[in-house]
Amino acid sequence: MADEEASVTDSFEEDFEDDDDEQHDLRSLLASKDRDFLVRNNGDEVKISELEGKTVGLYFSGSWCGPCRRFTPILAEVYTELVSKDSNFEIVFVSSDGDDEDFCDYFSKMPWLAIPFSDENKRSKLSDVFGVEGIPTLVILDKNGKVLTDEAVEVVRDYGAEGYPFTDEKIEKLKEEEKAAKMNQNIKSLLVTSTRDFLLTKDFRKVPVSDFEGKIVGIYFSLSSFEACARFTRKLEKIYNELKEKGENFEIVLVSLEEDEPSFMDDFEDMPWLGIPFKDKLREKLVRYFELLDLPTLVVIGTDGKTVNLNAVELVEDYGIESYPFTSKKVKELKKKEKARIESQTLESLLISGEKDFVIKNDGSKVPVSDLVGMNILLYFSAHWCPPCRAFLPNLIETYNQIKEKDDAFEIIFISSDEDEESFEDYFSKMPWFAIPYSDERKRFLSRVFKISGIPSCVAINREGKTITKEARSLIMEHGADAYPFTKESMMQLKAEMEEKAKLWPAKIRHEEHSHVLWKSKREYICDSCGKRGRHWSFYCKQCDFDLHPDCALDARHEVVDSEEEEEEEAEWPKRIKHMLHKHVLVKAWRHYQCDACGVIKQGWSYFCEVCDFDLHPMCALGDQATIKVIDDSDDEFDTSDDDDEDENEDEDDIHNHGNFNENRIRNSDDEHLVKVEDEDESLHSDFKQELKLGDDKDGDEEKEEKKSKKENHEDVKVEDDDENDGEDDSEEEEEDEDGPGMRGYICNTMDREGSESFQESLFTCRLYK
């Protein structure tokens, strides 16, 4: 028996050493030194030898993974169907759970076999040998142990039991059949399965799919935990009810992507339309069939059963019930109508709706819109809960007063996105201009007309009621009252005047606010003195990523630097140093980096370790001469090679590690998986700093707070709806679970999506980190 165990172990090791060999011996693959059996969820042991001659699926999954929990019932249904046909098929569960209790609870819902949870070594090696990077993953082995496919999850989702035996030939045949089915698409081919020819109402009444023939049908993909879905559902419900009242032949079918039935029922019970049953295998198939790219998605099927619109969500958002029946012909009509509306736009057409022909002052009095006709108007979209809005308001008030001194035929109208009337009134009380009343529907109309997606936002309207620009906020931040009246002509004139002024400015200056020479440069920036945004000229220190607006730079505190004077201070810096914060030699280099001492992220000079990718900002590296030793080129006392003794200087490593603390881990409120977010200080100016983020290179907590307050709140806040945005972060911090599983995953609901495959992967796959 000992010899037999040794043989199994040797064979096992050989099998795992050859990762490129796709043929495996099941016994050596699944057995370990002290175990030659698998287990069922009732505790029974099944000899691995009983799997010989069978097609075997290795199911890598975990209870903590939402996509796994959604897929397991689908797989169980397919497994039961195949086994009931006396199919020579078996599945082995390879768990990535963190503890035995979670494993047992999850495994109790599975009708197949499993690697015992106690055999952690085997589970880990199986994951390695098949290169499992995300779960759920289903690897299919034929009766000889050859890998048929490691993408069986997609096959099962798309084709169910019809995908068996999961060979390339079978899958190719199914794809050809699916392609042919698309050519002959009808409502039945879309919504009927081999086990179901009906849809459900919210009270579980069955409605035959055949009843939908000859109707316009919207297939609505939704996930209620996505706020965008919850918000759109309310809009869609209103339109649906209005169309039904008009007697239109329009129906909606919900395809819910909820991972648990209570969430599905909570969502579905408030909807007036029908849906496919929870856990129905059709939902994943439809996701891939329509190449889902985003949520929510409303696919519109015409009366002939053909797809007329792959996603009518934006159409519904922009035009409401006018967008029905969502066809390309209707889209062209709406665009033509929109163009005509823009050409004929007047202040009255924007601000008058029925009997609502007035705006209000903050004392509650009403002013007729007719009194504003012939004025230059600024529509100010804002909210009290929005920090950038509160930061921008004093600037706007100052600009407003200055413009009014020059031209009394100018006014601002506040369009609020506040959540309650009290907040609206409190915020509006600080404004010297007009507003649309809090509960007025004209706010929604104006937000749709100008497609407002972020606040604060300012739209300039000229004396004829035509739109001049939707970027007036940026112009005010850069030029103040000089930006008025916000026309292209005035901007070109302002730019030309600035260019003429710039010719008279010195090329280099010194300023009391900064220790290095500042160079005249053209760039986008935020002034480190006044905190205002700049898009043209700056006096700039590339070493520190420090900017001064020309008005701030050329005040009484500056002095001109002689152009012939040697001011390239970095030329005097040593090429190599040894610093107490790091055990290797640091080399001066120009690069994009994050300082491992102060945390600043910048493009510029760094003292860089070629071994450890360690960086020190020059001010951190050279600030205290007592902490460094300059290394001459002839000095071979220091070796830059990697030090094998990792414990040689634990204190220095601790400092190094502490320097990289700028990413916080928070809990994703949608899926309760870990995601990373940037530190607030680093994300303040990403809208125009692009990949290079402004850092804080001042010494001392007091100076850092001062600089932070100057640069705070300059990003637009994204707004999804006028009435619904609390401006608060619902995420709560979470410590890393030291006792949790070695592999963790998440679904990122805010990631950039490139194509349907990456988006579907984010819905249906949890990435593993080992």
Foldseek 3Di string as FASTA:
>chain_A
DLVVLVVLQVLLVVQLVCLVAQFHDQQSLQAHSPGQWWAALVGDTHGSVVLAQAKEKEWEDEPLDLLRLLLQVLQQVLVVVCVVVVHRYAYEYLYQFQDPVRVSVVRVVHGGIYRPPVPPVSSVSSCVSVVDFWPRWMWIAGNRRGTQDRRVSLVCLAPNNQCPPVHPVSVVVVVVVLVVCLVVFAQQVQPPDPVDQFWAALVGDTHGSVVLALAKEKEKEAEVLPVLRVVLQVLVQVLVVVCVVVVHRYAYEYLYLDSDDVSVSVVRNPHGGIYHDRSPSSSSNVLVSLLDDAPTFIFIAHNRRHTFDSGCSLVCLQPNNQCPPVHPVSVVVVVVVLVVCQVQAAQQVLQDDVPRQWWAALVGDTDGSVVLQQAKEKEWEEFQLALLRVVLVVLVQVLVVVLCVVPVRYFYEYQFLYQDQVRVSVVRVVHGGIYHHDPDPSSSVNCSSVVAFWPRWMWIAHNRRHTADRHVSLVCLAPRNQCPPVHPVSVVVVVVVVVVVVVVDAQWKDFPVDDAIWGWDFAWDAALPQRGTHHGIWRADQLQRHTHDVVRAPPPGMDHDDPPDDRPVVVPDFQWKDFQLDQAIWGWDFAFAAALQQGWTATGIWRAQPAPRHTHRVCRRPVDVVGMDGDDPPDPPGDSDDDPPPVPCVVSVVSSVVSPPQWAWWADPSSRFIDIDGHPQQPLPCVGCPPGTRTDDDDDPVSSVVSCVSNHNNDIGTDDGSNDDSSDDPIDGDDDDPSTRPWGFAQDNPDDTDTSVRNVCSSNITGIDD
